[in-house]
Every structure is written in C-alpha cells, then in structure tokens.
C-alpha cells in the first residue's frame, strides 16, 4: 500500500495494530478522522491517553476501575462470599448485562495455556486462593470459556482450594463447548449462571 504522506502511513500502521483492524480498515478510519473537526480527533486522543495513564485495576477483583476498589466490590448490596471466576473484564461486562448474578468477581487476566507460554503464575490465581484460605468465600463459580484452556484453568484452581469447605460450581453448558463467554447471548449466559452445577459433577461429564 503506497502512501502520499509519511504521517498518514504512520497513523495507519498504528491503527492496524488493533485487533481485527487490517490496513484497509485502518486507512478508512484514519481518513474519516481527517475529515472530522480537529476538536473531535483531539478529544479521542485525550480520552485514550487519559485512560491509559489513569485507569486502575481493582485491588480486590482485578477488574478495570477508576478507583482502587471497583463499583462492584464496593457495592454493599452484592453477595460478598460468592465469587465468579472469569478470564477478563469483557466477561464481567457480559455477565453483568444478564442481571442474573449478584455476587462478586475475580478476573484472572487470562487462561492457562502452555502452548502460549502462559502458566498459573502469569494469572491472578494466588490472590484468589488467598481469599479462599482467609474464609472469605462460600461459593466459587467457574465461568471460563468451555475450551481446553478454560477447563485446565478451572481444574488447576479447583486443586488449589479443594481442601477448603466451600462450594465450587461451574456455569451450565448452555454455553457451547469451544465458545467464548463474551459472545454468548444474554439470555443463555444468564441461564447458565442461574443453573450452575457443582464443579465436581462437571469433571465426570
């Protein structure tokens, strides 16, 4: 792709690094921004820079937040001793959109994947196990995607906390095997949360 401007080329190259954005789409987006008032492009740039510099991760659940303790963890109406374990913040958003879950969350930040060089120590597993050991958890709900990596991660965490007297459950398989949680429709995802099953049962399926 030939560019008449090095500035344009640089902007397209940076934009094309975003997930799902190829060079042609990046060019279309950059040209669109050039046609907009400068104030709009400046506002976008400032919003991204402010987010990158000031965004925090909740000290309790590792969700994205503007403050040290996110709105979910600081909400007194949430069920504090029930924790839903998810891969990333997109899964928190997906489950929250169902309005079917009133407990707290724990964001792992990924899944165990030896092929990608991701092990348990690369995830937020230790802080989750610590919550269990401190007696803060009555039920742990595994809500990772129904993939080999998701099941491996579930099992690893389960082995770490199996000696403690807490309930462990996993979302019902209304979510198709191999599907990513964030793409499930709200009704199916909501029913999967409500109809969760004991984790030990899922090991026999």
N, C-alpha and C. Protein backbone atom coordinates (compact mmCIF):
# COMPACT_ATOMS: atom_id res chain seq x y z
N UNK A 1 0.85 -1.19 0.00
CA UNK A 1 0.00 0.00 0.00
C UNK A 1 0.89 1.25 0.00
N UNK A 2 0.74 2.10 -1.04
CA UNK A 2 1.55 3.31 -1.17
C UNK A 2 0.86 4.49 -0.49
N UNK A 3 1.64 5.29 0.22
CA UNK A 3 1.11 6.45 0.92
C UNK A 3 1.77 7.72 0.39
N UNK A 4 0.96 8.76 0.29
CA UNK A 4 1.48 10.05 -0.16
C UNK A 4 2.04 10.86 0.99
N UNK A 5 1.82 10.37 2.22
CA UNK A 5 2.27 11.08 3.41
C UNK A 5 2.83 10.10 4.42
N UNK A 6 4.00 10.39 4.94
CA UNK A 6 4.59 9.55 5.99
C UNK A 6 3.77 9.63 7.27
N UNK A 7 3.17 10.79 7.54
CA UNK A 7 2.33 10.95 8.73
C UNK A 7 1.09 10.07 8.63
N UNK A 8 0.51 10.05 7.43
CA UNK A 8 -0.65 9.19 7.20
C UNK A 8 -0.26 7.73 7.34
N UNK A 9 0.87 7.34 6.77
CA UNK A 9 1.34 5.96 6.83
C UNK A 9 1.55 5.52 8.28
N UNK A 10 2.16 6.41 9.08
CA UNK A 10 2.41 6.06 10.48
C UNK A 10 1.09 5.87 11.23
N UNK A 11 0.13 6.76 10.99
CA UNK A 11 -1.16 6.66 11.66
C UNK A 11 -1.87 5.35 11.28
N UNK A 12 -1.81 4.99 10.00
CA UNK A 12 -2.44 3.75 9.53
C UNK A 12 -1.75 2.54 10.14
N UNK A 13 -0.43 2.56 10.19
CA UNK A 13 0.31 1.44 10.77
C UNK A 13 -0.03 1.24 12.24
N UNK A 14 -0.15 2.34 12.98
CA UNK A 14 -0.51 2.24 14.40
C UNK A 14 -1.93 1.73 14.57
N UNK A 15 -2.86 2.24 13.76
CA UNK A 15 -4.26 1.84 13.85
C UNK A 15 -4.44 0.36 13.49
N UNK A 16 -3.64 -0.12 12.54
CA UNK A 16 -3.79 -1.50 12.07
C UNK A 16 -3.29 -2.53 13.08
N UNK A 17 -2.65 -2.06 14.16
CA UNK A 17 -2.21 -2.98 15.20
C UNK A 17 -3.35 -3.37 16.14
N UNK A 18 -4.48 -2.70 16.05
CA UNK A 18 -5.64 -3.04 16.88
C UNK A 18 -6.24 -4.36 16.41
N UNK A 19 -6.81 -5.15 17.33
CA UNK A 19 -7.40 -6.45 16.96
C UNK A 19 -8.50 -6.29 15.92
N UNK A 20 -8.42 -7.09 14.87
CA UNK A 20 -9.47 -7.10 13.85
C UNK A 20 -9.41 -5.94 12.87
N UNK A 21 -8.38 -5.12 12.97
CA UNK A 21 -8.25 -3.97 12.07
C UNK A 21 -7.10 -4.23 11.09
N UNK A 22 -7.45 -4.38 9.82
CA UNK A 22 -6.42 -4.54 8.79
C UNK A 22 -6.00 -3.19 8.25
N UNK A 23 -5.06 -3.19 7.30
CA UNK A 23 -4.55 -1.95 6.75
C UNK A 23 -5.64 -1.14 6.04
N UNK A 24 -6.52 -1.79 5.30
CA UNK A 24 -7.56 -1.06 4.56
C UNK A 24 -8.56 -0.42 5.53
N UNK A 25 -8.95 -1.18 6.54
CA UNK A 25 -9.88 -0.62 7.54
C UNK A 25 -9.21 0.51 8.30
N UNK A 26 -7.93 0.33 8.63
CA UNK A 26 -7.18 1.37 9.34
C UNK A 26 -7.12 2.65 8.50
N UNK A 27 -6.88 2.50 7.20
CA UNK A 27 -6.84 3.66 6.31
C UNK A 27 -8.18 4.37 6.28
N UNK A 28 -9.27 3.60 6.21
CA UNK A 28 -10.60 4.19 6.18
C UNK A 28 -10.89 4.98 7.46
N UNK A 29 -10.48 4.42 8.62
CA UNK A 29 -10.70 5.10 9.89
C UNK A 29 -9.87 6.38 10.01
N UNK A 30 -8.62 6.30 9.58
CA UNK A 30 -7.74 7.47 9.66
C UNK A 30 -8.25 8.59 8.74
N UNK A 31 -8.65 8.23 7.53
CA UNK A 31 -9.18 9.24 6.61
C UNK A 31 -10.48 9.84 7.14
N UNK A 32 -11.27 9.01 7.80
CA UNK A 32 -12.51 9.52 8.43
C UNK A 32 -12.17 10.57 9.49
N UNK A 33 -11.16 10.29 10.31
CA UNK A 33 -10.77 11.23 11.36
C UNK A 33 -10.23 12.53 10.77
N UNK A 34 -9.55 12.44 9.62
CA UNK A 34 -9.03 13.63 8.97
C UNK A 34 -10.15 14.54 8.48
N UNK A 35 -11.30 13.93 8.17
CA UNK A 35 -12.42 14.72 7.67
C UNK A 35 -13.23 15.36 8.81
N UNK A 36 -13.00 14.90 10.04
CA UNK A 36 -13.73 15.43 11.19
C UNK A 36 -13.05 16.70 11.71
N UNK A 37 -13.81 17.51 12.48
CA UNK A 37 -13.20 18.69 13.11
C UNK A 37 -12.03 18.27 14.01
N UNK A 38 -11.01 19.11 14.08
CA UNK A 38 -9.83 18.79 14.89
C UNK A 38 -10.20 18.51 16.35
N UNK A 39 -11.23 19.22 16.84
CA UNK A 39 -11.63 19.05 18.23
C UNK A 39 -12.05 17.62 18.53
N UNK A 40 -12.71 16.97 17.56
CA UNK A 40 -13.18 15.60 17.77
C UNK A 40 -12.01 14.63 17.84
N UNK A 41 -11.05 14.79 16.96
CA UNK A 41 -9.87 13.93 16.99
C UNK A 41 -9.05 14.16 18.25
N UNK A 42 -8.96 15.42 18.66
CA UNK A 42 -8.23 15.75 19.89
C UNK A 42 -8.91 15.13 21.10
N UNK A 43 -10.25 15.18 21.12
CA UNK A 43 -11.00 14.60 22.24
C UNK A 43 -10.77 13.10 22.32
N UNK A 44 -10.74 12.41 21.16
CA UNK A 44 -10.47 10.98 21.13
C UNK A 44 -9.06 10.68 21.64
N UNK A 45 -8.10 11.45 21.16
CA UNK A 45 -6.71 11.25 21.58
C UNK A 45 -6.55 11.46 23.09
N UNK A 46 -7.18 12.50 23.61
CA UNK A 46 -7.07 12.79 25.04
C UNK A 46 -7.75 11.73 25.88
N UNK A 47 -8.90 11.23 25.40
CA UNK A 47 -9.62 10.19 26.13
C UNK A 47 -8.78 8.91 26.23
N UNK A 48 -8.14 8.55 25.14
CA UNK A 48 -7.30 7.35 25.13
C UNK A 48 -6.07 7.53 26.02
N UNK A 49 -5.45 8.70 25.95
CA UNK A 49 -4.26 8.95 26.76
C UNK A 49 -4.59 8.99 28.24
N UNK A 50 -5.71 9.63 28.59
CA UNK A 50 -6.14 9.71 29.99
C UNK A 50 -6.45 8.32 30.53
N UNK A 51 -7.17 7.52 29.71
CA UNK A 51 -7.49 6.16 30.12
C UNK A 51 -6.23 5.35 30.37
N UNK A 52 -5.27 5.47 29.44
CA UNK A 52 -4.04 4.68 29.57
C UNK A 52 -3.23 5.07 30.79
N UNK A 53 -3.24 6.35 31.12
CA UNK A 53 -2.43 6.85 32.23
C UNK A 53 -3.10 6.68 33.58
N UNK A 54 -4.43 6.80 33.62
CA UNK A 54 -5.14 6.90 34.90
C UNK A 54 -5.96 5.67 35.28
N UNK A 55 -6.22 4.76 34.33
CA UNK A 55 -7.06 3.61 34.66
C UNK A 55 -6.36 2.73 35.69
N UNK A 56 -7.15 2.14 36.57
CA UNK A 56 -6.61 1.28 37.63
C UNK A 56 -7.23 -0.11 37.53
N UNK A 57 -6.64 -1.04 38.27
CA UNK A 57 -7.22 -2.37 38.40
C UNK A 57 -7.63 -2.55 39.85
N UNK A 58 -8.86 -2.98 40.05
CA UNK A 58 -9.41 -3.15 41.40
C UNK A 58 -8.48 -4.01 42.24
N UNK A 59 -8.16 -3.56 43.42
CA UNK A 59 -7.22 -4.28 44.29
C UNK A 59 -7.81 -5.58 44.81
N UNK A 60 -9.11 -5.74 44.68
CA UNK A 60 -9.75 -6.97 45.17
C UNK A 60 -10.01 -7.98 44.06
N UNK A 61 -10.67 -7.53 42.97
CA UNK A 61 -11.08 -8.49 41.92
C UNK A 61 -10.29 -8.35 40.63
N UNK A 62 -9.47 -7.30 40.49
CA UNK A 62 -8.64 -7.07 39.30
C UNK A 62 -9.45 -6.60 38.10
N UNK A 63 -10.68 -6.14 38.33
CA UNK A 63 -11.48 -5.55 37.26
C UNK A 63 -10.95 -4.15 36.97
N UNK A 64 -11.19 -3.64 35.77
CA UNK A 64 -10.79 -2.27 35.44
C UNK A 64 -11.65 -1.30 36.23
N UNK A 65 -11.01 -0.26 36.76
CA UNK A 65 -11.72 0.68 37.62
C UNK A 65 -11.07 2.05 37.56
N UNK A 66 -11.83 3.06 38.01
CA UNK A 66 -11.28 4.41 38.11
C UNK A 66 -10.66 4.64 39.48
N UNK A 67 -11.02 3.80 40.45
CA UNK A 67 -10.54 3.92 41.82
C UNK A 67 -9.97 2.58 42.27
N UNK A 68 -9.39 2.54 43.48
CA UNK A 68 -8.72 1.33 43.95
C UNK A 68 -9.67 0.14 44.10
N UNK A 69 -10.90 0.41 44.56
CA UNK A 69 -11.90 -0.65 44.73
C UNK A 69 -13.05 -0.37 43.77
N UNK A 70 -13.31 -1.29 42.85
CA UNK A 70 -14.29 -1.04 41.80
C UNK A 70 -15.71 -0.92 42.36
N UNK A 71 -16.63 -0.44 41.54
CA UNK A 71 -18.01 -0.21 41.97
C UNK A 71 -18.70 -1.50 42.39
N UNK A 72 -18.35 -2.61 41.77
CA UNK A 72 -18.99 -3.88 42.12
C UNK A 72 -18.53 -4.34 43.50
N UNK A 73 -17.22 -4.32 43.74
CA UNK A 73 -16.69 -4.77 45.03
C UNK A 73 -17.11 -3.86 46.18
N UNK A 74 -17.32 -2.59 45.90
CA UNK A 74 -17.69 -1.64 46.96
C UNK A 74 -19.20 -1.52 47.14
N UNK A 75 -19.96 -2.25 46.34
CA UNK A 75 -21.42 -2.20 46.44
C UNK A 75 -21.90 -3.07 47.60
N UNK A 76 -22.51 -2.48 48.64
CA UNK A 76 -22.93 -3.26 49.81
C UNK A 76 -24.07 -4.23 49.53
N UNK A 77 -24.70 -4.08 48.38
CA UNK A 77 -25.83 -4.97 48.03
C UNK A 77 -25.37 -6.25 47.32
N UNK A 78 -24.08 -6.36 47.02
CA UNK A 78 -23.59 -7.57 46.39
C UNK A 78 -23.34 -8.66 47.43
N UNK A 79 -23.43 -9.92 47.00
CA UNK A 79 -23.19 -11.06 47.89
C UNK A 79 -21.68 -11.27 47.97
N UNK A 80 -21.09 -10.92 49.11
CA UNK A 80 -19.64 -10.87 49.23
C UNK A 80 -18.96 -12.23 49.23
N UNK A 81 -19.65 -13.27 49.67
CA UNK A 81 -18.99 -14.57 49.81
C UNK A 81 -19.19 -15.49 48.60
N UNK A 82 -19.76 -14.95 47.53
CA UNK A 82 -19.89 -15.70 46.28
C UNK A 82 -19.05 -15.01 45.22
N UNK A 83 -18.10 -15.75 44.64
CA UNK A 83 -17.18 -15.16 43.68
C UNK A 83 -17.25 -15.92 42.35
N UNK A 84 -17.44 -15.17 41.28
CA UNK A 84 -17.47 -15.72 39.93
C UNK A 84 -16.11 -15.49 39.28
N UNK A 85 -15.45 -16.57 38.90
CA UNK A 85 -14.11 -16.51 38.33
C UNK A 85 -14.20 -16.40 36.81
N UNK A 86 -13.66 -15.32 36.25
CA UNK A 86 -13.73 -15.09 34.81
C UNK A 86 -12.33 -14.83 34.25
N UNK A 87 -12.25 -14.89 32.93
CA UNK A 87 -10.95 -14.70 32.27
C UNK A 87 -10.55 -13.24 32.23
N UNK A 88 -11.43 -12.36 31.73
CA UNK A 88 -11.07 -10.95 31.64
C UNK A 88 -12.28 -10.05 31.85
N UNK A 89 -12.05 -8.75 31.75
CA UNK A 89 -13.09 -7.77 32.09
C UNK A 89 -14.28 -7.84 31.14
N UNK A 90 -14.07 -8.32 29.92
CA UNK A 90 -15.19 -8.44 28.98
C UNK A 90 -16.22 -9.45 29.48
N UNK A 91 -15.74 -10.48 30.20
CA UNK A 91 -16.65 -11.47 30.74
C UNK A 91 -17.46 -10.89 31.90
N UNK A 92 -16.84 -10.02 32.69
CA UNK A 92 -17.58 -9.34 33.76
C UNK A 92 -18.73 -8.54 33.15
N UNK A 93 -18.43 -7.80 32.09
CA UNK A 93 -19.45 -6.99 31.42
C UNK A 93 -20.57 -7.86 30.86
N UNK A 94 -20.19 -9.00 30.27
CA UNK A 94 -21.18 -9.90 29.67
C UNK A 94 -22.13 -10.44 30.74
N UNK A 95 -21.58 -10.88 31.88
CA UNK A 95 -22.41 -11.44 32.94
C UNK A 95 -23.25 -10.36 33.60
N UNK A 96 -22.68 -9.17 33.80
CA UNK A 96 -23.43 -8.07 34.40
C UNK A 96 -24.64 -7.70 33.53
N UNK A 97 -24.49 -7.81 32.22
CA UNK A 97 -25.59 -7.47 31.31
C UNK A 97 -26.78 -8.42 31.44
N UNK A 98 -26.56 -9.59 32.02
CA UNK A 98 -27.66 -10.55 32.20
C UNK A 98 -28.54 -10.19 33.39
N UNK A 99 -28.02 -9.40 34.33
CA UNK A 99 -28.74 -9.04 35.57
C UNK A 99 -29.15 -10.28 36.36
N UNK A 100 -28.42 -11.38 36.19
CA UNK A 100 -28.76 -12.65 36.85
C UNK A 100 -27.81 -13.01 37.98
N UNK A 101 -26.78 -12.20 38.18
CA UNK A 101 -25.76 -12.53 39.17
C UNK A 101 -25.53 -11.35 40.10
N UNK A 102 -25.54 -11.61 41.41
CA UNK A 102 -25.42 -10.55 42.40
C UNK A 102 -24.19 -10.71 43.30
N UNK A 103 -23.30 -11.63 42.98
CA UNK A 103 -22.10 -11.82 43.78
C UNK A 103 -20.96 -10.93 43.28
N UNK A 104 -19.74 -11.29 43.67
CA UNK A 104 -18.56 -10.56 43.25
C UNK A 104 -17.83 -11.35 42.15
N UNK A 105 -16.75 -10.79 41.67
CA UNK A 105 -15.98 -11.41 40.58
C UNK A 105 -14.51 -11.54 40.98
N UNK A 106 -13.81 -12.36 40.20
CA UNK A 106 -12.35 -12.40 40.28
C UNK A 106 -11.85 -12.58 38.85
N UNK A 107 -11.13 -11.57 38.36
CA UNK A 107 -10.64 -11.58 36.98
C UNK A 107 -9.23 -12.16 36.96
N UNK A 108 -9.08 -13.29 36.28
CA UNK A 108 -7.78 -13.97 36.23
C UNK A 108 -6.78 -13.27 35.33
N UNK A 109 -7.28 -12.62 34.29
CA UNK A 109 -6.38 -11.98 33.35
C UNK A 109 -5.89 -12.91 32.26
N UNK A 110 -6.60 -14.03 32.05
CA UNK A 110 -6.23 -14.98 31.01
C UNK A 110 -6.54 -16.40 31.44
N UNK A 111 -6.06 -17.37 30.66
CA UNK A 111 -6.23 -18.78 30.94
C UNK A 111 -4.88 -19.48 30.84
N UNK A 112 -4.74 -20.57 31.57
CA UNK A 112 -3.51 -21.36 31.48
C UNK A 112 -3.39 -21.94 30.08
N UNK A 113 -2.28 -21.65 29.42
CA UNK A 113 -2.08 -22.13 28.04
C UNK A 113 -0.60 -22.37 27.81
N UNK A 114 -0.13 -23.60 28.09
CA UNK A 114 1.29 -23.91 27.91
C UNK A 114 1.79 -23.62 26.50
N UNK A 115 0.92 -23.81 25.50
CA UNK A 115 1.32 -23.55 24.11
C UNK A 115 1.70 -22.10 23.90
N UNK A 116 1.05 -21.20 24.67
CA UNK A 116 1.33 -19.77 24.55
C UNK A 116 2.28 -19.29 25.64
N UNK A 117 2.80 -20.22 26.43
CA UNK A 117 3.73 -19.85 27.48
C UNK A 117 3.07 -19.18 28.68
N UNK A 118 1.78 -19.44 28.87
CA UNK A 118 1.05 -18.83 29.99
C UNK A 118 0.80 -19.89 31.06
N UNK A 119 1.39 -19.69 32.22
CA UNK A 119 1.22 -20.62 33.33
C UNK A 119 0.41 -19.99 34.45
N UNK A 120 0.14 -20.74 35.50
CA UNK A 120 -0.66 -20.24 36.64
C UNK A 120 -0.09 -18.97 37.26
N UNK A 121 1.24 -18.84 37.28
CA UNK A 121 1.85 -17.69 37.93
C UNK A 121 1.76 -16.42 37.08
N UNK A 122 1.29 -16.56 35.84
CA UNK A 122 1.08 -15.40 34.98
C UNK A 122 -0.33 -14.83 35.17
N UNK A 123 -1.15 -15.53 35.95
CA UNK A 123 -2.54 -15.13 36.16
C UNK A 123 -2.76 -14.69 37.62
N UNK A 124 -3.92 -14.12 37.87
CA UNK A 124 -4.28 -13.68 39.23
C UNK A 124 -4.90 -14.84 40.01
N UNK A 125 -4.15 -15.92 40.14
CA UNK A 125 -4.63 -17.10 40.84
C UNK A 125 -4.30 -17.03 42.33
N UNK A 126 -3.12 -16.58 42.65
CA UNK A 126 -2.67 -16.56 44.05
C UNK A 126 -3.59 -15.73 44.94
N UNK A 127 -4.02 -14.57 44.45
CA UNK A 127 -4.90 -13.71 45.25
C UNK A 127 -6.27 -14.35 45.45
N UNK A 128 -6.71 -15.16 44.47
CA UNK A 128 -7.98 -15.87 44.60
C UNK A 128 -7.88 -16.95 45.67
N UNK A 129 -6.81 -17.73 45.62
CA UNK A 129 -6.60 -18.79 46.61
C UNK A 129 -6.49 -18.18 48.00
N UNK A 130 -5.86 -17.02 48.10
CA UNK A 130 -5.72 -16.34 49.39
C UNK A 130 -7.09 -15.98 49.97
N UNK A 131 -8.02 -15.53 49.13
CA UNK A 131 -9.37 -15.21 49.60
C UNK A 131 -10.04 -16.45 50.19
N UNK A 132 -9.85 -17.59 49.51
CA UNK A 132 -10.44 -18.84 49.98
C UNK A 132 -9.83 -19.23 51.33
N UNK A 133 -8.52 -19.16 51.43
CA UNK A 133 -7.82 -19.54 52.66
C UNK A 133 -8.23 -18.65 53.83
N UNK A 134 -8.55 -17.40 53.55
CA UNK A 134 -8.94 -16.46 54.61
C UNK A 134 -10.40 -16.62 55.02
N UNK A 135 -11.12 -17.55 54.39
CA UNK A 135 -12.50 -17.83 54.76
C UNK A 135 -13.50 -16.80 54.24
N UNK A 136 -13.11 -16.06 53.20
CA UNK A 136 -13.99 -15.02 52.67
C UNK A 136 -14.96 -15.54 51.62
N UNK A 137 -14.79 -16.81 51.24
CA UNK A 137 -15.57 -17.34 50.11
C UNK A 137 -16.45 -18.50 50.55
N UNK A 138 -17.73 -18.44 50.19
CA UNK A 138 -18.65 -19.55 50.45
C UNK A 138 -18.85 -20.38 49.18
N UNK A 139 -18.89 -19.71 48.04
CA UNK A 139 -19.04 -20.41 46.76
C UNK A 139 -18.15 -19.77 45.70
N UNK A 140 -17.50 -20.63 44.92
CA UNK A 140 -16.66 -20.21 43.81
C UNK A 140 -17.32 -20.72 42.53
N UNK A 141 -17.66 -19.80 41.63
CA UNK A 141 -18.30 -20.17 40.37
C UNK A 141 -17.28 -20.04 39.24
N UNK A 142 -16.97 -21.15 38.57
CA UNK A 142 -16.06 -21.11 37.45
C UNK A 142 -16.83 -20.72 36.19
N UNK A 143 -16.49 -19.57 35.62
CA UNK A 143 -17.19 -19.08 34.43
C UNK A 143 -16.22 -18.79 33.30
N UNK A 144 -15.28 -19.72 33.10
CA UNK A 144 -14.35 -19.58 31.99
C UNK A 144 -14.94 -20.22 30.75
N UNK A 145 -14.41 -19.86 29.59
CA UNK A 145 -14.90 -20.41 28.34
C UNK A 145 -14.73 -21.93 28.30
N UNK A 146 -15.64 -22.60 27.60
CA UNK A 146 -15.63 -24.07 27.52
C UNK A 146 -14.62 -24.54 26.49
N UNK A 147 -13.36 -24.27 26.78
CA UNK A 147 -12.26 -24.69 25.91
C UNK A 147 -11.30 -25.53 26.74
N UNK A 148 -10.33 -26.16 26.08
CA UNK A 148 -9.35 -26.96 26.81
C UNK A 148 -8.59 -26.09 27.81
N UNK A 149 -8.23 -24.86 27.39
CA UNK A 149 -7.50 -23.96 28.28
C UNK A 149 -8.37 -23.54 29.46
N UNK A 150 -9.66 -23.30 29.18
CA UNK A 150 -10.56 -22.92 30.26
C UNK A 150 -10.75 -24.04 31.27
N UNK A 151 -10.94 -25.25 30.76
CA UNK A 151 -11.11 -26.41 31.65
C UNK A 151 -9.84 -26.69 32.45
N UNK A 152 -8.68 -26.53 31.81
CA UNK A 152 -7.41 -26.72 32.52
C UNK A 152 -7.26 -25.72 33.65
N UNK A 153 -7.63 -24.48 33.40
CA UNK A 153 -7.54 -23.43 34.42
C UNK A 153 -8.50 -23.71 35.56
N UNK A 154 -9.73 -24.09 35.22
CA UNK A 154 -10.71 -24.46 36.26
C UNK A 154 -10.17 -25.54 37.18
N UNK A 155 -9.61 -26.59 36.56
CA UNK A 155 -9.14 -27.74 37.32
C UNK A 155 -7.95 -27.37 38.20
N UNK A 156 -7.07 -26.53 37.67
CA UNK A 156 -5.91 -26.12 38.46
C UNK A 156 -6.34 -25.38 39.72
N UNK A 157 -7.26 -24.43 39.55
CA UNK A 157 -7.75 -23.67 40.71
C UNK A 157 -8.47 -24.59 41.69
N UNK A 158 -9.27 -25.49 41.14
CA UNK A 158 -10.01 -26.44 41.99
C UNK A 158 -9.06 -27.25 42.86
N UNK A 159 -7.95 -27.70 42.29
CA UNK A 159 -6.98 -28.48 43.06
C UNK A 159 -6.35 -27.65 44.17
N UNK A 160 -6.22 -26.35 43.94
CA UNK A 160 -5.61 -25.48 44.95
C UNK A 160 -6.51 -25.25 46.16
N UNK A 161 -7.84 -25.34 45.95
CA UNK A 161 -8.77 -24.98 47.03
C UNK A 161 -9.67 -26.15 47.47
N UNK A 162 -9.40 -27.36 46.97
CA UNK A 162 -10.30 -28.47 47.25
C UNK A 162 -10.32 -28.91 48.71
N UNK A 163 -9.30 -28.56 49.47
CA UNK A 163 -9.25 -28.94 50.87
C UNK A 163 -10.03 -27.99 51.78
N UNK A 164 -10.57 -26.93 51.20
CA UNK A 164 -11.32 -25.95 51.99
C UNK A 164 -12.82 -26.17 51.78
N UNK A 165 -13.58 -25.95 52.82
CA UNK A 165 -15.02 -26.24 52.77
C UNK A 165 -15.78 -25.11 52.09
N UNK A 166 -15.74 -25.09 50.78
CA UNK A 166 -16.52 -24.12 50.02
C UNK A 166 -17.20 -24.85 48.87
N UNK A 167 -18.28 -24.29 48.37
CA UNK A 167 -18.96 -24.84 47.21
C UNK A 167 -18.20 -24.42 45.96
N UNK A 168 -18.04 -25.32 45.01
CA UNK A 168 -17.47 -24.98 43.72
C UNK A 168 -18.46 -25.38 42.65
N UNK A 169 -18.79 -24.46 41.79
CA UNK A 169 -19.73 -24.76 40.71
C UNK A 169 -19.21 -24.19 39.41
N UNK A 170 -19.80 -24.64 38.32
CA UNK A 170 -19.42 -24.11 37.01
C UNK A 170 -20.70 -23.78 36.26
N UNK A 171 -20.65 -22.78 35.40
CA UNK A 171 -21.85 -22.39 34.67
C UNK A 171 -22.33 -23.56 33.82
N UNK A 172 -23.65 -23.68 33.71
CA UNK A 172 -24.26 -24.78 32.96
C UNK A 172 -23.81 -24.71 31.50
N UNK A 173 -23.77 -25.86 30.85
CA UNK A 173 -23.26 -25.91 29.49
C UNK A 173 -24.28 -25.45 28.46
N UNK A 174 -25.06 -24.43 28.82
CA UNK A 174 -25.86 -23.75 27.81
C UNK A 174 -24.92 -23.00 26.87
N UNK A 175 -23.69 -22.78 27.37
CA UNK A 175 -22.65 -22.20 26.53
C UNK A 175 -21.99 -23.33 25.75
N UNK A 176 -22.00 -23.24 24.43
CA UNK A 176 -21.46 -24.32 23.60
C UNK A 176 -19.99 -24.53 23.88
N UNK A 177 -19.56 -25.79 23.83
CA UNK A 177 -18.16 -26.12 24.04
C UNK A 177 -17.32 -25.43 22.97
N UNK A 178 -16.28 -24.74 23.40
CA UNK A 178 -15.41 -24.03 22.48
C UNK A 178 -15.78 -22.57 22.29
N UNK A 179 -16.95 -22.16 22.81
CA UNK A 179 -17.39 -20.78 22.64
C UNK A 179 -16.73 -19.87 23.66
N UNK A 180 -16.50 -18.63 23.26
CA UNK A 180 -16.00 -17.61 24.17
C UNK A 180 -17.20 -16.99 24.89
N UNK A 181 -17.02 -16.72 26.18
CA UNK A 181 -18.12 -16.24 27.01
C UNK A 181 -18.68 -14.92 26.51
N UNK A 182 -17.83 -14.03 26.05
CA UNK A 182 -18.28 -12.68 25.70
C UNK A 182 -19.23 -12.67 24.50
N UNK A 183 -19.24 -13.76 23.69
CA UNK A 183 -20.08 -13.80 22.51
C UNK A 183 -21.44 -14.49 22.76
N UNK A 184 -21.63 -15.00 23.96
CA UNK A 184 -22.90 -15.66 24.27
C UNK A 184 -24.01 -14.62 24.43
N UNK A 185 -25.22 -14.98 24.01
CA UNK A 185 -26.32 -14.03 24.19
C UNK A 185 -26.69 -13.95 25.67
N UNK A 186 -27.30 -12.84 26.06
CA UNK A 186 -27.53 -12.55 27.47
C UNK A 186 -28.46 -13.57 28.13
N UNK A 187 -29.48 -14.04 27.41
CA UNK A 187 -30.43 -14.99 27.99
C UNK A 187 -29.74 -16.32 28.29
N UNK A 188 -28.98 -16.83 27.31
CA UNK A 188 -28.26 -18.09 27.51
C UNK A 188 -27.25 -17.98 28.63
N UNK A 189 -26.50 -16.89 28.64
CA UNK A 189 -25.49 -16.68 29.68
C UNK A 189 -26.13 -16.55 31.05
N UNK A 190 -27.24 -15.82 31.11
CA UNK A 190 -27.96 -15.66 32.38
C UNK A 190 -28.45 -16.98 32.93
N UNK A 191 -29.02 -17.81 32.05
CA UNK A 191 -29.50 -19.13 32.48
C UNK A 191 -28.34 -20.02 32.93
N UNK A 192 -27.19 -19.88 32.28
CA UNK A 192 -26.03 -20.68 32.66
C UNK A 192 -25.56 -20.34 34.06
N UNK A 193 -25.65 -19.06 34.42
CA UNK A 193 -25.28 -18.63 35.78
C UNK A 193 -26.28 -19.17 36.79
N UNK A 194 -27.56 -19.02 36.50
CA UNK A 194 -28.61 -19.46 37.43
C UNK A 194 -28.60 -20.98 37.62
N UNK A 195 -28.39 -21.71 36.52
CA UNK A 195 -28.43 -23.18 36.55
C UNK A 195 -27.05 -23.81 36.67
N UNK A 196 -26.14 -23.11 37.34
CA UNK A 196 -24.79 -23.65 37.51
C UNK A 196 -24.82 -24.99 38.24
N UNK A 197 -23.81 -25.81 38.00
CA UNK A 197 -23.74 -27.15 38.58
C UNK A 197 -22.47 -27.30 39.41
N UNK A 198 -22.46 -28.23 40.37
CA UNK A 198 -21.24 -28.46 41.16
C UNK A 198 -20.07 -28.75 40.24
N UNK A 199 -18.91 -28.18 40.55
CA UNK A 199 -17.74 -28.37 39.69
C UNK A 199 -17.34 -29.84 39.61
N UNK A 200 -17.47 -30.55 40.74
CA UNK A 200 -17.11 -31.98 40.75
C UNK A 200 -17.93 -32.75 39.72
N UNK A 201 -19.19 -32.35 39.53
CA UNK A 201 -20.05 -33.00 38.55
C UNK A 201 -19.53 -32.78 37.14
N UNK A 202 -19.03 -31.57 36.87
CA UNK A 202 -18.54 -31.26 35.53
C UNK A 202 -17.33 -32.10 35.16
N UNK A 203 -16.57 -32.56 36.16
CA UNK A 203 -15.40 -33.38 35.88
C UNK A 203 -15.77 -34.75 35.35
N UNK A 204 -17.02 -35.17 35.65
CA UNK A 204 -17.48 -36.50 35.23
C UNK A 204 -18.19 -36.47 33.89
N UNK A 205 -18.47 -35.26 33.38
CA UNK A 205 -19.23 -35.15 32.13
C UNK A 205 -18.35 -35.49 30.93
